[in-house]
Amino acid sequence: MDEENFVDEDLLIEMAELFKIFGDSTRIKILSVLSDGDKCVQEITDSIGSSQSAVSHQLRILKQARLVRNRRQGKQIWYSLADDHVKTILGMAKEHLEE
């Protein structure tokens, strides 16, 4: 990004809001699990050791932030990362912390 993008107050506010979403360890766990592929709520719950209601709540937040998307297959709803940018952000954060 060039300096002009960082002068735009609206963009800065949106970026801050996005980083707030990444500020919750349960949401990071969910995103990490989804980086391996599509999962239903039960699979996510089993993977992170959290309650189904807590996972569903966090998935709603992640979906509203456009970090996760879902699709219905029969009675099951499958969740996935919204796009490759989400996986890139997670990877960059991990790489930064491992330096």
C-alpha atoms as a PDB file:
ATOM      1  CA  MET A   1       0.000   0.000   0.000  1.00  0.00           C
ATOM      2  CA  ASP A   2       1.250   3.469  -0.705  1.00  0.00           C
ATOM      3  CA  GLU A   3       1.115   6.379   1.746  1.00  0.00           C
ATOM      4  CA  GLU A   4      -2.045   7.828   0.168  1.00  0.00           C
ATOM      5  CA  ASN A   5      -4.077   4.806   1.311  1.00  0.00           C
ATOM      6  CA  PHE A   6      -3.069   5.391   4.920  1.00  0.00           C
ATOM      7  CA  VAL A   7      -4.310   8.986   4.841  1.00  0.00           C
ATOM      8  CA  ASP A   8      -7.898   7.886   4.154  1.00  0.00           C
ATOM      9  CA  GLU A   9      -9.573   7.979   7.584  1.00  0.00           C
ATOM     10  CA  ASP A  10     -12.380   5.611   6.538  1.00  0.00           C
ATOM     11  CA  LEU A  11      -9.851   3.023   5.388  1.00  0.00           C
ATOM     12  CA  LEU A  12      -7.936   3.301   8.655  1.00  0.00           C
ATOM     13  CA  ILE A  13     -11.122   2.741  10.647  1.00  0.00           C
ATOM     14  CA  GLU A  14     -12.036  -0.306   8.546  1.00  0.00           C
ATOM     15  CA  MET A  15      -8.531  -1.719   9.001  1.00  0.00           C
ATOM     16  CA  ALA A  16      -8.734  -1.241  12.767  1.00  0.00           C
ATOM     17  CA  GLU A  17     -12.093  -3.031  12.843  1.00  0.00           C
ATOM     18  CA  LEU A  18     -10.650  -5.909  10.814  1.00  0.00           C
ATOM     19  CA  PHE A  19      -7.715  -6.268  13.193  1.00  0.00           C
ATOM     20  CA  LYS A  20     -10.138  -6.334  16.139  1.00  0.00           C
ATOM     21  CA  ILE A  21     -11.704  -9.448  14.621  1.00  0.00           C
ATOM     22  CA  PHE A  22      -8.287 -11.116  14.654  1.00  0.00           C
ATOM     23  CA  GLY A  23      -7.904 -10.146  18.331  1.00  0.00           C
ATOM     24  CA  ASP A  24      -9.829 -13.142  19.681  1.00  0.00           C
ATOM     25  CA  SER A  25      -8.040 -16.488  20.109  1.00  0.00           C
ATOM     26  CA  THR A  26     -11.207 -18.531  19.470  1.00  0.00           C
ATOM     27  CA  ARG A  27     -11.710 -16.792  16.135  1.00  0.00           C
ATOM     28  CA  ILE A  28      -8.047 -17.394  15.250  1.00  0.00           C
ATOM     29  CA  LYS A  29      -8.476 -21.089  16.109  1.00  0.00           C
ATOM     30  CA  ILE A  30     -11.550 -21.294  13.876  1.00  0.00           C
ATOM     31  CA  LEU A  31      -9.762 -19.578  10.993  1.00  0.00           C
ATOM     32  CA  SER A  32      -6.793 -21.887  11.444  1.00  0.00           C
ATOM     33  CA  VAL A  33      -9.021 -24.978  11.330  1.00  0.00           C
ATOM     34  CA  LEU A  34     -10.755 -23.648   8.220  1.00  0.00           C
ATOM     35  CA  SER A  35      -7.426 -23.024   6.514  1.00  0.00           C
ATOM     36  CA  ASP A  36      -7.236 -26.820   6.105  1.00  0.00           C
ATOM     37  CA  GLY A  37     -10.541 -26.881   4.200  1.00  0.00           C
ATOM     38  CA  ASP A  38     -14.310 -26.741   4.589  1.00  0.00           C
ATOM     39  CA  LYS A  39     -15.726 -27.818   7.935  1.00  0.00           C
ATOM     40  CA  CYS A  40     -19.148 -28.046   9.562  1.00  0.00           C
ATOM     41  CA  VAL A  41     -19.777 -26.556  13.014  1.00  0.00           C
ATOM     42  CA  GLN A  42     -19.383 -29.937  14.745  1.00  0.00           C
ATOM     43  CA  GLU A  43     -15.983 -30.516  13.141  1.00  0.00           C
ATOM     44  CA  ILE A  44     -14.838 -27.042  14.176  1.00  0.00           C
ATOM     45  CA  THR A  45     -16.174 -27.595  17.701  1.00  0.00           C
ATOM     46  CA  ASP A  46     -14.343 -30.919  17.980  1.00  0.00           C
ATOM     47  CA  SER A  47     -11.109 -29.401  16.641  1.00  0.00           C
ATOM     48  CA  ILE A  48     -10.937 -26.426  18.996  1.00  0.00           C
ATOM     49  CA  GLY A  49     -12.640 -27.890  22.055  1.00  0.00           C
ATOM     50  CA  SER A  50     -15.291 -25.211  22.368  1.00  0.00           C
ATOM     51  CA  SER A  51     -19.067 -25.383  22.665  1.00  0.00           C
ATOM     52  CA  GLN A  52     -21.250 -25.415  19.577  1.00  0.00           C
ATOM     53  CA  SER A  53     -22.982 -22.198  20.632  1.00  0.00           C
ATOM     54  CA  ALA A  54     -19.626 -20.425  21.119  1.00  0.00           C
ATOM     55  CA  VAL A  55     -18.382 -21.590  17.717  1.00  0.00           C
ATOM     56  CA  SER A  56     -21.628 -20.570  16.024  1.00  0.00           C
ATOM     57  CA  HIS A  57     -21.422 -17.129  17.630  1.00  0.00           C
ATOM     58  CA  GLN A  58     -17.843 -16.619  16.466  1.00  0.00           C
ATOM     59  CA  LEU A  59     -18.679 -17.885  12.972  1.00  0.00           C
ATOM     60  CA  ARG A  60     -21.399 -15.225  12.727  1.00  0.00           C
ATOM     61  CA  ILE A  61     -18.844 -12.545  13.590  1.00  0.00           C
ATOM     62  CA  LEU A  62     -16.346 -13.933  11.084  1.00  0.00           C
ATOM     63  CA  LYS A  63     -19.006 -14.110   8.396  1.00  0.00           C
ATOM     64  CA  GLN A  64     -20.110 -10.508   9.027  1.00  0.00           C
ATOM     65  CA  ALA A  65     -16.461  -9.470   8.686  1.00  0.00           C
ATOM     66  CA  ARG A  66     -16.331 -11.337   5.348  1.00  0.00           C
ATOM     67  CA  LEU A  67     -13.544 -13.609   6.578  1.00  0.00           C
ATOM     68  CA  VAL A  68     -15.659 -16.777   6.373  1.00  0.00           C
ATOM     69  CA  ARG A  69     -18.381 -17.940   4.023  1.00  0.00           C
ATOM     70  CA  ASN A  70     -20.819 -20.806   4.211  1.00  0.00           C
ATOM     71  CA  ARG A  71     -22.765 -23.113   1.948  1.00  0.00           C
ATOM     72  CA  ARG A  72     -25.631 -25.439   2.662  1.00  0.00           C
ATOM     73  CA  GLN A  73     -25.432 -29.067   1.627  1.00  0.00           C
ATOM     74  CA  GLY A  74     -28.631 -30.808   2.627  1.00  0.00           C
ATOM     75  CA  LYS A  75     -29.164 -30.153   6.323  1.00  0.00           C
ATOM     76  CA  GLN A  76     -25.489 -29.429   6.914  1.00  0.00           C
ATOM     77  CA  ILE A  77     -23.829 -26.015   6.661  1.00  0.00           C
ATOM     78  CA  TRP A  78     -20.192 -25.990   5.636  1.00  0.00           C
ATOM     79  CA  TYR A  79     -17.851 -23.119   6.441  1.00  0.00           C
ATOM     80  CA  SER A  80     -14.694 -22.054   4.621  1.00  0.00           C
ATOM     81  CA  LEU A  81     -12.313 -19.125   4.506  1.00  0.00           C
ATOM     82  CA  ALA A  82     -13.774 -16.351   2.378  1.00  0.00           C
ATOM     83  CA  ASP A  83     -10.671 -16.130   0.174  1.00  0.00           C
ATOM     84  CA  ASP A  84      -6.908 -16.655   0.034  1.00  0.00           C
ATOM     85  CA  HIS A  85      -6.264 -13.284   1.676  1.00  0.00           C
ATOM     86  CA  VAL A  86      -7.430 -14.658   5.021  1.00  0.00           C
ATOM     87  CA  LYS A  87      -4.967 -17.548   4.810  1.00  0.00           C
ATOM     88  CA  THR A  88      -2.227 -15.088   3.791  1.00  0.00           C
ATOM     89  CA  ILE A  89      -2.926 -12.839   6.797  1.00  0.00           C
ATOM     90  CA  LEU A  90      -2.754 -15.832   9.161  1.00  0.00           C
ATOM     91  CA  GLY A  91       0.456 -17.055   7.536  1.00  0.00           C
ATOM     92  CA  MET A  92       2.089 -13.635   7.711  1.00  0.00           C
ATOM     93  CA  ALA A  93       1.191 -13.258  11.389  1.00  0.00           C
ATOM     94  CA  LYS A  94       2.641 -16.690  12.158  1.00  0.00           C
ATOM     95  CA  GLU A  95       5.788 -15.943  10.168  1.00  0.00           C
ATOM     96  CA  HIS A  96       6.205 -12.590  11.923  1.00  0.00           C
ATOM     97  CA  LEU A  97       5.893 -14.176  15.372  1.00  0.00           C
ATOM     98  CA  GLU A  98       8.340 -16.970  14.530  1.00  0.00           C
ATOM     99  CA  GLU A  99      11.105 -14.522  13.520  1.00  0.00           C
END
